[in-house]
Amino acid sequence: MTQLETAMAIMMKTFDTYAADQGKPDTLTKAEAKTLLEKELPGLLKGAKNQAEVDKLLNSLDFNGDSDIDFSEFVVMVAALTCACHNRCPKK
């Protein structure tokens, strides 16, 4: 597999691993999402100024308002965090 194909496979596997913990196997509960962030992006949470901001991030991921985070919502989060961490997004 190419590097990008490998990265995509890892994202899918990571999502599936945490989504299978509780609730529906194809979505993340907010608790599962928080665990994913704590284990997979520990630097992000350590850099958070306060827990309210982390909770705000988790709530903002649920674009369709169904109280779960589906894979497409997860991918948007990863893309947004990647842009923010690497300052690659155009400023508006």
PDB file of N, CA and C in Angstrom:
ATOM      1  N   MET A   1       0.845  -1.183   0.000  1.00  0.00           N
ATOM      2  CA  MET A   1       0.000   0.000   0.000  1.00  0.00           C
ATOM      3  C   MET A   1       0.893   1.250   0.000  1.00  0.00           C
ATOM      4  N   THR A   2       0.364   2.311  -0.570  1.00  0.00           N
ATOM      5  CA  THR A   2       1.068   3.587  -0.539  1.00  0.00           C
ATOM      6  C   THR A   2       0.969   4.182   0.863  1.00  0.00           C
ATOM      7  N   GLN A   3       1.732   5.236   1.111  1.00  0.00           N
ATOM      8  CA  GLN A   3       1.679   5.889   2.426  1.00  0.00           C
ATOM      9  C   GLN A   3       0.274   6.428   2.706  1.00  0.00           C
ATOM     10  N   LEU A   4      -0.362   7.021   1.696  1.00  0.00           N
ATOM     11  CA  LEU A   4      -1.694   7.576   1.905  1.00  0.00           C
ATOM     12  C   LEU A   4      -2.725   6.470   2.140  1.00  0.00           C
ATOM     13  N   GLU A   5      -2.615   5.382   1.395  1.00  0.00           N
ATOM     14  CA  GLU A   5      -3.518   4.248   1.622  1.00  0.00           C
ATOM     15  C   GLU A   5      -3.328   3.677   3.023  1.00  0.00           C
ATOM     16  N   THR A   6      -2.093   3.608   3.471  1.00  0.00           N
ATOM     17  CA  THR A   6      -1.805   3.130   4.825  1.00  0.00           C
ATOM     18  C   THR A   6      -2.400   4.068   5.868  1.00  0.00           C
ATOM     19  N   ALA A   7      -2.244   5.364   5.651  1.00  0.00           N
ATOM     20  CA  ALA A   7      -2.810   6.347   6.585  1.00  0.00           C
ATOM     21  C   ALA A   7      -4.327   6.220   6.652  1.00  0.00           C
ATOM     22  N   MET A   8      -4.956   6.032   5.500  1.00  0.00           N
ATOM     23  CA  MET A   8      -6.414   5.877   5.472  1.00  0.00           C
ATOM     24  C   MET A   8      -6.838   4.600   6.201  1.00  0.00           C
ATOM     25  N   ALA A   9      -6.115   3.515   5.993  1.00  0.00           N
ATOM     26  CA  ALA A   9      -6.434   2.254   6.664  1.00  0.00           C
ATOM     27  C   ALA A   9      -6.282   2.389   8.172  1.00  0.00           C
ATOM     28  N   ILE A  10      -5.248   3.109   8.601  1.00  0.00           N
ATOM     29  CA  ILE A  10      -5.036   3.318  10.039  1.00  0.00           C
ATOM     30  C   ILE A  10      -6.174   4.154  10.627  1.00  0.00           C
ATOM     31  N   MET A  11      -6.618   5.182   9.911  1.00  0.00           N
ATOM     32  CA  MET A  11      -7.738   5.999  10.400  1.00  0.00           C
ATOM     33  C   MET A  11      -8.993   5.142  10.556  1.00  0.00           C
ATOM     34  N   MET A  12      -9.280   4.304   9.558  1.00  0.00           N
ATOM     35  CA  MET A  12     -10.464   3.444   9.634  1.00  0.00           C
ATOM     36  C   MET A  12     -10.347   2.464  10.795  1.00  0.00           C
ATOM     37  N   LYS A  13      -9.188   1.842  10.960  1.00  0.00           N
ATOM     38  CA  LYS A  13      -8.977   0.879  12.035  1.00  0.00           C
ATOM     39  C   LYS A  13      -9.081   1.559  13.402  1.00  0.00           C
ATOM     40  N   THR A  14      -8.501   2.741  13.530  1.00  0.00           N
ATOM     41  CA  THR A  14      -8.565   3.469  14.796  1.00  0.00           C
ATOM     42  C   THR A  14     -10.010   3.795  15.152  1.00  0.00           C
ATOM     43  N   PHE A  15     -10.768   4.321  14.182  1.00  0.00           N
ATOM     44  CA  PHE A  15     -12.176   4.638  14.427  1.00  0.00           C
ATOM     45  C   PHE A  15     -12.928   3.378  14.850  1.00  0.00           C
ATOM     46  N   ASP A  16     -12.760   2.304  14.089  1.00  0.00           N
ATOM     47  CA  ASP A  16     -13.487   1.060  14.380  1.00  0.00           C
ATOM     48  C   ASP A  16     -13.145   0.502  15.752  1.00  0.00           C
ATOM     49  N   THR A  17     -11.883   0.611  16.142  1.00  0.00           N
ATOM     50  CA  THR A  17     -11.456   0.098  17.446  1.00  0.00           C
ATOM     51  C   THR A  17     -12.188   0.807  18.578  1.00  0.00           C
ATOM     52  N   TYR A  18     -12.256   2.122  18.531  1.00  0.00           N
ATOM     53  CA  TYR A  18     -12.906   2.877  19.603  1.00  0.00           C
ATOM     54  C   TYR A  18     -14.427   2.826  19.499  1.00  0.00           C
ATOM     55  N   ALA A  19     -14.965   2.777  18.297  1.00  0.00           N
ATOM     56  CA  ALA A  19     -16.420   2.727  18.117  1.00  0.00           C
ATOM     57  C   ALA A  19     -16.995   1.410  18.622  1.00  0.00           C
ATOM     58  N   ALA A  20     -16.213   0.358  18.610  1.00  0.00           N
ATOM     59  CA  ALA A  20     -16.692  -0.955  19.033  1.00  0.00           C
ATOM     60  C   ALA A  20     -16.780  -1.093  20.543  1.00  0.00           C
ATOM     61  N   ASP A  21     -16.279  -0.113  21.284  1.00  0.00           N
ATOM     62  CA  ASP A  21     -16.218  -0.218  22.740  1.00  0.00           C
ATOM     63  C   ASP A  21     -17.592  -0.205  23.403  1.00  0.00           C
ATOM     64  N   GLN A  22     -18.478   0.680  22.961  1.00  0.00           N
ATOM     65  CA  GLN A  22     -19.817   0.782  23.548  1.00  0.00           C
ATOM     66  C   GLN A  22     -20.757   1.371  22.508  1.00  0.00           C
ATOM     67  N   GLY A  23     -22.028   1.312  22.731  1.00  0.00           N
ATOM     68  CA  GLY A  23     -22.982   1.896  21.786  1.00  0.00           C
ATOM     69  C   GLY A  23     -22.976   1.181  20.448  1.00  0.00           C
ATOM     70  N   LYS A  24     -23.247   1.926  19.391  1.00  0.00           N
ATOM     71  CA  LYS A  24     -23.298   1.363  18.046  1.00  0.00           C
ATOM     72  C   LYS A  24     -21.883   1.173  17.497  1.00  0.00           C
ATOM     73  N   PRO A  25     -21.646   0.066  16.776  1.00  0.00           N
ATOM     74  CA  PRO A  25     -20.285  -0.206  16.300  1.00  0.00           C
ATOM     75  C   PRO A  25     -19.823   0.689  15.150  1.00  0.00           C
ATOM     76  N   ASP A  26     -20.723   1.483  14.569  1.00  0.00           N
ATOM     77  CA  ASP A  26     -20.331   2.345  13.450  1.00  0.00           C
ATOM     78  C   ASP A  26     -20.319   3.827  13.818  1.00  0.00           C
ATOM     79  N   THR A  27     -20.440   4.134  15.104  1.00  0.00           N
ATOM     80  CA  THR A  27     -20.354   5.512  15.576  1.00  0.00           C
ATOM     81  C   THR A  27     -19.596   5.549  16.904  1.00  0.00           C
ATOM     82  N   LEU A  28     -19.081   6.728  17.204  1.00  0.00           N
ATOM     83  CA  LEU A  28     -18.436   6.965  18.492  1.00  0.00           C
ATOM     84  C   LEU A  28     -19.405   7.710  19.403  1.00  0.00           C
ATOM     85  N   THR A  29     -19.542   7.233  20.632  1.00  0.00           N
ATOM     86  CA  THR A  29     -20.236   8.033  21.625  1.00  0.00           C
ATOM     87  C   THR A  29     -19.279   9.154  22.017  1.00  0.00           C
ATOM     88  N   LYS A  30     -19.762  10.143  22.724  1.00  0.00           N
ATOM     89  CA  LYS A  30     -18.863  11.208  23.172  1.00  0.00           C
ATOM     90  C   LYS A  30     -17.796  10.653  24.110  1.00  0.00           C
ATOM     91  N   ALA A  31     -18.158   9.660  24.923  1.00  0.00           N
ATOM     92  CA  ALA A  31     -17.173   9.038  25.820  1.00  0.00           C
ATOM     93  C   ALA A  31     -16.104   8.302  25.015  1.00  0.00           C
ATOM     94  N   GLU A  32     -16.507   7.584  23.975  1.00  0.00           N
ATOM     95  CA  GLU A  32     -15.544   6.891  23.120  1.00  0.00           C
ATOM     96  C   GLU A  32     -14.636   7.893  22.404  1.00  0.00           C
ATOM     97  N   ALA A  33     -15.221   8.986  21.941  1.00  0.00           N
ATOM     98  CA  ALA A  33     -14.435  10.014  21.253  1.00  0.00           C
ATOM     99  C   ALA A  33     -13.416  10.627  22.201  1.00  0.00           C
ATOM    100  N   LYS A  34     -13.822  10.867  23.434  1.00  0.00           N
ATOM    101  CA  LYS A  34     -12.896  11.438  24.414  1.00  0.00           C
ATOM    102  C   LYS A  34     -11.764  10.460  24.702  1.00  0.00           C
ATOM    103  N   THR A  35     -12.077   9.182  24.835  1.00  0.00           N
ATOM    104  CA  THR A  35     -11.043   8.170  25.048  1.00  0.00           C
ATOM    105  C   THR A  35     -10.092   8.109  23.864  1.00  0.00           C
ATOM    106  N   LEU A  36     -10.633   8.170  22.657  1.00  0.00           N
ATOM    107  CA  LEU A  36      -9.815   8.179  21.446  1.00  0.00           C
ATOM    108  C   LEU A  36      -8.856   9.360  21.480  1.00  0.00           C
ATOM    109  N   LEU A  37      -9.360  10.533  21.789  1.00  0.00           N
ATOM    110  CA  LEU A  37      -8.502  11.722  21.848  1.00  0.00           C
ATOM    111  C   LEU A  37      -7.430  11.577  22.926  1.00  0.00           C
ATOM    112  N   GLU A  38      -7.812  11.048  24.086  1.00  0.00           N
ATOM    113  CA  GLU A  38      -6.855  10.892  25.191  1.00  0.00           C
ATOM    114  C   GLU A  38      -5.732   9.929  24.824  1.00  0.00           C
ATOM    115  N   LYS A  39      -6.074   8.858  24.136  1.00  0.00           N
ATOM    116  CA  LYS A  39      -5.075   7.828  23.827  1.00  0.00           C
ATOM    117  C   LYS A  39      -4.330   8.078  22.528  1.00  0.00           C
ATOM    118  N   GLU A  40      -4.997   8.627  21.528  1.00  0.00           N
ATOM    119  CA  GLU A  40      -4.394   8.782  20.211  1.00  0.00           C
ATOM    120  C   GLU A  40      -3.825  10.179  19.966  1.00  0.00           C
ATOM    121  N   LEU A  41      -4.318  11.175  20.685  1.00  0.00           N
ATOM    122  CA  LEU A  41      -3.834  12.555  20.531  1.00  0.00           C
ATOM    123  C   LEU A  41      -3.576  13.169  21.912  1.00  0.00           C
ATOM    124  N   PRO A  42      -2.731  12.519  22.714  1.00  0.00           N
ATOM    125  CA  PRO A  42      -2.535  13.018  24.087  1.00  0.00           C
ATOM    126  C   PRO A  42      -1.962  14.424  24.146  1.00  0.00           C
ATOM    127  N   GLY A  43      -1.135  14.786  23.185  1.00  0.00           N
ATOM    128  CA  GLY A  43      -0.571  16.132  23.172  1.00  0.00           C
ATOM    129  C   GLY A  43      -1.630  17.193  22.986  1.00  0.00           C
ATOM    130  N   LEU A  44      -2.655  16.879  22.225  1.00  0.00           N
ATOM    131  CA  LEU A  44      -3.758  17.815  22.005  1.00  0.00           C
ATOM    132  C   LEU A  44      -4.468  18.120  23.316  1.00  0.00           C
ATOM    133  N   LEU A  45      -4.776  17.090  24.080  1.00  0.00           N
ATOM    134  CA  LEU A  45      -5.496  17.308  25.341  1.00  0.00           C
ATOM    135  C   LEU A  45      -4.603  17.958  26.390  1.00  0.00           C
ATOM    136  N   LYS A  46      -3.323  17.613  26.394  1.00  0.00           N
ATOM    137  CA  LYS A  46      -2.412  18.244  27.354  1.00  0.00           C
ATOM    138  C   LYS A  46      -2.273  19.733  27.077  1.00  0.00           C
ATOM    139  N   GLY A  47      -2.383  20.104  25.797  1.00  0.00           N
ATOM    140  CA  GLY A  47      -2.260  21.502  25.425  1.00  0.00           C
ATOM    141  C   GLY A  47      -3.536  22.295  25.609  1.00  0.00           C
ATOM    142  N   ALA A  48      -4.645  21.592  25.883  1.00  0.00           N
ATOM    143  CA  ALA A  48      -5.925  22.278  26.064  1.00  0.00           C
ATOM    144  C   ALA A  48      -5.873  23.123  27.330  1.00  0.00           C
ATOM    145  N   LYS A  49      -6.353  24.328  27.228  1.00  0.00           N
ATOM    146  CA  LYS A  49      -6.303  25.237  28.373  1.00  0.00           C
ATOM    147  C   LYS A  49      -7.299  24.851  29.463  1.00  0.00           C
ATOM    148  N   ASN A  50      -8.434  24.271  29.031  1.00  0.00           N
ATOM    149  CA  ASN A  50      -9.396  23.828  30.028  1.00  0.00           C
ATOM    150  C   ASN A  50     -10.306  22.746  29.451  1.00  0.00           C
ATOM    151  N   GLN A  51     -10.908  22.004  30.344  1.00  0.00           N
ATOM    152  CA  GLN A  51     -11.751  20.882  29.942  1.00  0.00           C
ATOM    153  C   GLN A  51     -12.976  21.343  29.162  1.00  0.00           C
ATOM    154  N   ALA A  52     -13.456  22.524  29.435  1.00  0.00           N
ATOM    155  CA  ALA A  52     -14.631  23.037  28.717  1.00  0.00           C
ATOM    156  C   ALA A  52     -14.356  23.132  27.220  1.00  0.00           C
ATOM    157  N   GLU A  53     -13.128  23.479  26.862  1.00  0.00           N
ATOM    158  CA  GLU A  53     -12.772  23.561  25.443  1.00  0.00           C
ATOM    159  C   GLU A  53     -12.773  22.183  24.792  1.00  0.00           C
ATOM    160  N   VAL A  54     -12.323  21.171  25.518  1.00  0.00           N
ATOM    161  CA  VAL A  54     -12.349  19.798  25.005  1.00  0.00           C
ATOM    162  C   VAL A  54     -13.796  19.355  24.805  1.00  0.00           C
ATOM    163  N   ASP A  55     -14.640  19.638  25.781  1.00  0.00           N
ATOM    164  CA  ASP A  55     -16.055  19.290  25.666  1.00  0.00           C
ATOM    165  C   ASP A  55     -16.705  20.025  24.489  1.00  0.00           C
ATOM    166  N   LYS A  56     -16.330  21.265  24.296  1.00  0.00           N
ATOM    167  CA  LYS A  56     -16.855  22.044  23.169  1.00  0.00           C
ATOM    168  C   LYS A  56     -16.452  21.395  21.846  1.00  0.00           C
ATOM    169  N   LEU A  57     -15.196  20.942  21.760  1.00  0.00           N
ATOM    170  CA  LEU A  57     -14.731  20.247  20.555  1.00  0.00           C
ATOM    171  C   LEU A  57     -15.553  18.991  20.315  1.00  0.00           C
ATOM    172  N   LEU A  58     -15.754  18.192  21.335  1.00  0.00           N
ATOM    173  CA  LEU A  58     -16.522  16.953  21.184  1.00  0.00           C
ATOM    174  C   LEU A  58     -17.953  17.242  20.742  1.00  0.00           C
ATOM    175  N   ASN A  59     -18.566  18.252  21.326  1.00  0.00           N
ATOM    176  CA  ASN A  59     -19.937  18.603  20.939  1.00  0.00           C
ATOM    177  C   ASN A  59     -20.003  19.124  19.511  1.00  0.00           C
ATOM    178  N   SER A  60     -18.970  19.838  19.082  1.00  0.00           N
ATOM    179  CA  SER A  60     -18.983  20.405  17.735  1.00  0.00           C
ATOM    180  C   SER A  60     -18.787  19.350  16.659  1.00  0.00           C
ATOM    181  N   LEU A  61     -18.300  18.172  17.020  1.00  0.00           N
ATOM    182  CA  LEU A  61     -18.090  17.109  16.031  1.00  0.00           C
ATOM    183  C   LEU A  61     -19.396  16.497  15.547  1.00  0.00           C
ATOM    184  N   ASP A  62     -20.417  16.574  16.341  1.00  0.00           N
ATOM    185  CA  ASP A  62     -21.699  15.950  16.012  1.00  0.00           C
ATOM    186  C   ASP A  62     -22.507  16.869  15.103  1.00  0.00           C
ATOM    187  N   PHE A  63     -22.119  16.930  13.829  1.00  0.00           N
ATOM    188  CA  PHE A  63     -22.734  17.852  12.877  1.00  0.00           C
ATOM    189  C   PHE A  63     -24.222  17.609  12.676  1.00  0.00           C
ATOM    190  N   ASN A  64     -24.640  16.344  12.670  1.00  0.00           N
ATOM    191  CA  ASN A  64     -26.043  16.045  12.389  1.00  0.00           C
ATOM    192  C   ASN A  64     -26.908  15.999  13.649  1.00  0.00           C
ATOM    193  N   GLY A  65     -26.320  16.214  14.815  1.00  0.00           N
ATOM    194  CA  GLY A  65     -27.097  16.323  16.047  1.00  0.00           C
ATOM    195  C   GLY A  65     -27.681  15.030  16.572  1.00  0.00           C
ATOM    196  N   ASP A  66     -27.110  13.870  16.192  1.00  0.00           N
ATOM    197  CA  ASP A  66     -27.677  12.599  16.651  1.00  0.00           C
ATOM    198  C   ASP A  66     -27.010  12.070  17.923  1.00  0.00           C
ATOM    199  N   SER A  67     -26.160  12.864  18.547  1.00  0.00           N
ATOM    200  CA  SER A  67     -25.449  12.537  19.794  1.00  0.00           C
ATOM    201  C   SER A  67     -24.356  11.495  19.632  1.00  0.00           C
ATOM    202  N   ASP A  68     -24.038  11.108  18.402  1.00  0.00           N
ATOM    203  CA  ASP A  68     -22.932  10.204  18.117  1.00  0.00           C
ATOM    204  C   ASP A  68     -22.049  10.840  17.055  1.00  0.00           C
ATOM    205  N   ILE A  69     -20.820  10.354  16.949  1.00  0.00           N
ATOM    206  CA  ILE A  69     -19.890  10.837  15.934  1.00  0.00           C
ATOM    207  C   ILE A  69     -19.686   9.715  14.932  1.00  0.00           C
ATOM    208  N   ASP A  70     -20.158   9.927  13.702  1.00  0.00           N
ATOM    209  CA  ASP A  70     -19.978   8.898  12.678  1.00  0.00           C
ATOM    210  C   ASP A  70     -18.618   9.077  12.007  1.00  0.00           C
ATOM    211  N   PHE A  71     -18.293   8.164  11.089  1.00  0.00           N
ATOM    212  CA  PHE A  71     -16.960   8.187  10.498  1.00  0.00           C
ATOM    213  C   PHE A  71     -16.696   9.474   9.731  1.00  0.00           C
ATOM    214  N   SER A  72     -17.681   9.976   9.006  1.00  0.00           N
ATOM    215  CA  SER A  72     -17.449  11.208   8.244  1.00  0.00           C
ATOM    216  C   SER A  72     -17.198  12.386   9.176  1.00  0.00           C
ATOM    217  N   GLU A  73     -17.871  12.439  10.308  1.00  0.00           N
ATOM    218  CA  GLU A  73     -17.630  13.495  11.288  1.00  0.00           C
ATOM    219  C   GLU A  73     -16.223  13.345  11.892  1.00  0.00           C
ATOM    220  N   PHE A  74     -15.805  12.108  12.132  1.00  0.00           N
ATOM    221  CA  PHE A  74     -14.465  11.828  12.634  1.00  0.00           C
ATOM    222  C   PHE A  74     -13.399  12.288  11.640  1.00  0.00           C
ATOM    223  N   VAL A  75     -13.617  12.000  10.358  1.00  0.00           N
ATOM    224  CA  VAL A  75     -12.649  12.387   9.329  1.00  0.00           C
ATOM    225  C   VAL A  75     -12.518  13.908   9.263  1.00  0.00           C
ATOM    226  N   VAL A  76     -13.617  14.617   9.382  1.00  0.00           N
ATOM    227  CA  VAL A  76     -13.576  16.082   9.387  1.00  0.00           C
ATOM    228  C   VAL A  76     -12.757  16.568  10.576  1.00  0.00           C
ATOM    229  N   MET A  77     -12.927  15.950  11.735  1.00  0.00           N
ATOM    230  CA  MET A  77     -12.158  16.334  12.916  1.00  0.00           C
ATOM    231  C   MET A  77     -10.672  16.124  12.674  1.00  0.00           C
ATOM    232  N   VAL A  78     -10.296  14.964  12.148  1.00  0.00           N
ATOM    233  CA  VAL A  78      -8.882  14.674  11.903  1.00  0.00           C
ATOM    234  C   VAL A  78      -8.302  15.670  10.899  1.00  0.00           C
ATOM    235  N   ALA A  79      -9.061  15.954   9.843  1.00  0.00           N
ATOM    236  CA  ALA A  79      -8.585  16.911   8.837  1.00  0.00           C
ATOM    237  C   ALA A  79      -8.422  18.305   9.440  1.00  0.00           C
ATOM    238  N   ALA A  80      -9.390  18.743  10.228  1.00  0.00           N
ATOM    239  CA  ALA A  80      -9.324  20.072  10.842  1.00  0.00           C
ATOM    240  C   ALA A  80      -8.148  20.161  11.817  1.00  0.00           C
ATOM    241  N   LEU A  81      -7.943  19.115  12.616  1.00  0.00           N
ATOM    242  CA  LEU A  81      -6.823  19.115  13.559  1.00  0.00           C
ATOM    243  C   LEU A  81      -5.490  19.093  12.827  1.00  0.00           C
ATOM    244  N   THR A  82      -5.427  18.349  11.734  1.00  0.00           N
ATOM    245  CA  THR A  82      -4.201  18.292  10.943  1.00  0.00           C
ATOM    246  C   THR A  82      -3.869  19.670  10.379  1.00  0.00           C
ATOM    247  N   CYS A  83      -4.870  20.330   9.835  1.00  0.00           N
ATOM    248  CA  CYS A  83      -4.665  21.691   9.315  1.00  0.00           C
ATOM    249  C   CYS A  83      -4.223  22.636  10.424  1.00  0.00           C
ATOM    250  N   ALA A  84      -4.886  22.565  11.554  1.00  0.00           N
ATOM    251  CA  ALA A  84      -4.563  23.465  12.662  1.00  0.00           C
ATOM    252  C   ALA A  84      -3.149  23.217  13.184  1.00  0.00           C
ATOM    253  N   CYS A  85      -2.763  21.968  13.278  1.00  0.00           N
ATOM    254  CA  CYS A  85      -1.445  21.636  13.811  1.00  0.00           C
ATOM    255  C   CYS A  85      -0.320  21.999  12.852  1.00  0.00           C
ATOM    256  N   HIS A  86      -0.614  22.008  11.578  1.00  0.00           N
ATOM    257  CA  HIS A  86       0.423  22.269  10.595  1.00  0.00           C
ATOM    258  C   HIS A  86       0.235  23.575   9.868  1.00  0.00           C
ATOM    259  N   ASN A  87      -0.710  24.373  10.339  1.00  0.00           N
ATOM    260  CA  ASN A  87      -0.950  25.715   9.799  1.00  0.00           C
ATOM    261  C   ASN A  87      -1.039  25.706   8.266  1.00  0.00           C
ATOM    262  N   ARG A  88      -1.806  24.757   7.728  1.00  0.00           N
ATOM    263  CA  ARG A  88      -1.930  24.623   6.282  1.00  0.00           C
ATOM    264  C   ARG A  88      -3.261  25.108   5.742  1.00  0.00           C
ATOM    265  N   CYS A  89      -4.147  25.503   6.609  1.00  0.00           N
ATOM    266  CA  CYS A  89      -5.455  25.961   6.149  1.00  0.00           C
ATOM    267  C   CYS A  89      -5.378  27.442   5.808  1.00  0.00           C
ATOM    268  N   PRO A  90      -6.044  27.838   4.738  1.00  0.00           N
ATOM    269  CA  PRO A  90      -6.052  29.265   4.417  1.00  0.00           C
ATOM    270  C   PRO A  90      -6.804  30.042   5.484  1.00  0.00           C
ATOM    271  N   LYS A  91      -6.289  31.201   5.772  1.00  0.00           N
ATOM    272  CA  LYS A  91      -6.955  32.045   6.771  1.00  0.00           C
ATOM    273  C   LYS A  91      -8.044  32.854   6.103  1.00  0.00           C
ATOM    274  N   LYS A  92      -9.211  32.907   6.765  1.00  0.00           N
ATOM    275  CA  LYS A  92     -10.348  33.654   6.206  1.00  0.00           C
ATOM    276  C   LYS A  92     -10.677  34.811   7.106  1.00  0.00           C
TER     277      LYS A  92
END
